[in-house]
Amino acid sequence: MGQPENPKILTPALCRAARGFLDWTQSDLAEQSGVSRSTIRDYEGSRHEVHRATEAQLRQSFERAGLTFMRSDADTIGICPSTKPSN
């Protein structure tokens, strides 16, 4: 109440795509994020939504592994490898 709506970045399809990009299983993501594999399975299967804190845990795991989430327009979010600035 009174808080601005903050749309989720991670969708079930994007979660699957990010795992595929990293060649991670659901168990790998569970281990990296601290989120149970059953929660990941149900989320990716669109059986239920996840809380914002859970979404953040998943997203941070992907980001630590080298992915960046980018908004290409108002409705589209994609992933790409992070680039490190050259020295």
Protein backbone atom coordinates (compact mmCIF):
# COMPACT_ATOMS: atom_id res chain seq x y z
CA MET A 1 0.00 0.00 0.00
CA GLY A 2 1.39 3.36 -0.98
CA GLN A 3 4.42 1.77 -2.64
CA PRO A 4 4.99 2.15 -6.35
CA GLU A 5 4.44 -1.00 -8.33
CA ASN A 6 7.80 -2.44 -9.26
CA PRO A 7 7.34 -4.86 -12.16
CA LYS A 8 9.25 -8.08 -11.92
CA ILE A 9 12.20 -8.47 -14.23
CA LEU A 10 12.45 -12.24 -14.15
CA THR A 11 9.71 -14.23 -15.87
CA PRO A 12 9.45 -18.03 -15.90
CA ALA A 13 10.62 -18.10 -19.55
CA LEU A 14 13.52 -15.75 -18.84
CA CYS A 15 14.53 -17.87 -15.85
CA ARG A 16 14.65 -20.96 -18.08
CA ALA A 17 16.57 -19.03 -20.74
CA ALA A 18 19.13 -17.74 -18.25
CA ARG A 19 19.66 -21.26 -16.90
CA GLY A 20 20.09 -22.53 -20.45
CA PHE A 21 22.57 -19.78 -21.26
CA LEU A 22 24.65 -20.83 -18.24
CA ASP A 23 24.02 -24.55 -18.84
CA TRP A 24 22.58 -24.82 -15.32
CA THR A 25 20.05 -27.35 -14.13
CA GLN A 26 17.29 -26.36 -11.73
CA SER A 27 19.40 -27.99 -9.02
CA ASP A 28 22.38 -25.81 -9.99
CA LEU A 29 20.23 -22.69 -9.71
CA ALA A 30 18.84 -23.86 -6.38
CA GLU A 31 22.35 -24.34 -5.04
CA GLN A 32 23.55 -20.96 -6.32
CA SER A 33 20.50 -19.01 -5.15
CA GLY A 34 19.39 -20.71 -1.95
CA VAL A 35 15.90 -21.14 -3.45
CA SER A 36 14.45 -24.65 -3.33
CA ARG A 37 14.42 -26.66 -6.54
CA SER A 38 10.69 -27.28 -6.13
CA THR A 39 10.04 -23.52 -6.02
CA ILE A 40 12.14 -23.04 -9.17
CA ARG A 41 10.36 -25.95 -10.89
CA ASP A 42 6.92 -24.59 -10.01
CA TYR A 43 7.85 -21.03 -11.02
CA GLU A 44 9.36 -22.05 -14.36
CA GLY A 45 6.32 -24.22 -15.01
CA SER A 46 4.07 -21.20 -14.32
CA ARG A 47 2.40 -23.05 -11.46
CA HIS A 48 2.81 -20.02 -9.17
CA GLU A 49 4.51 -16.64 -8.91
CA VAL A 50 7.47 -15.98 -6.64
CA HIS A 51 7.88 -13.28 -4.02
CA ARG A 52 10.02 -10.27 -4.89
CA ALA A 53 12.73 -11.45 -2.47
CA THR A 54 12.85 -14.86 -4.19
CA GLU A 55 13.00 -13.23 -7.60
CA ALA A 56 15.91 -11.10 -6.36
CA GLN A 57 17.77 -14.18 -5.11
CA LEU A 58 17.39 -15.88 -8.49
CA ARG A 59 18.33 -12.78 -10.45
CA GLN A 60 21.38 -12.08 -8.29
CA SER A 61 22.59 -15.63 -8.81
CA PHE A 62 22.43 -15.15 -12.57
CA GLU A 63 24.18 -11.79 -12.30
CA ARG A 64 26.98 -13.25 -10.13
CA ALA A 65 27.43 -15.90 -12.83
CA GLY A 66 27.97 -13.19 -15.45
CA LEU A 67 24.56 -12.36 -16.93
CA THR A 68 22.99 -8.93 -17.28
CA PHE A 69 19.27 -8.29 -17.57
CA MET A 70 18.45 -5.52 -20.04
CA ARG A 71 15.18 -3.81 -20.89
CA SER A 72 15.00 -3.31 -24.65
CA ASP A 73 11.65 -1.52 -24.59
CA ALA A 74 8.75 -1.05 -22.24
CA ASP A 75 7.66 -4.69 -22.36
CA THR A 76 10.76 -6.70 -23.26
CA ILE A 77 13.59 -7.83 -21.03
CA GLY A 78 16.48 -9.91 -22.28
CA ILE A 79 19.72 -11.38 -21.04
CA CYS A 80 23.26 -10.99 -22.26
CA PRO A 81 26.70 -11.75 -20.90
CA SER A 82 28.17 -9.06 -18.67
CA THR A 83 31.08 -7.24 -20.14
CA LYS A 84 33.95 -6.10 -18.02
CA PRO A 85 35.51 -2.75 -18.87
CA SER A 86 38.92 -3.09 -20.48
CA ASN A 87 41.86 -1.59 -18.57
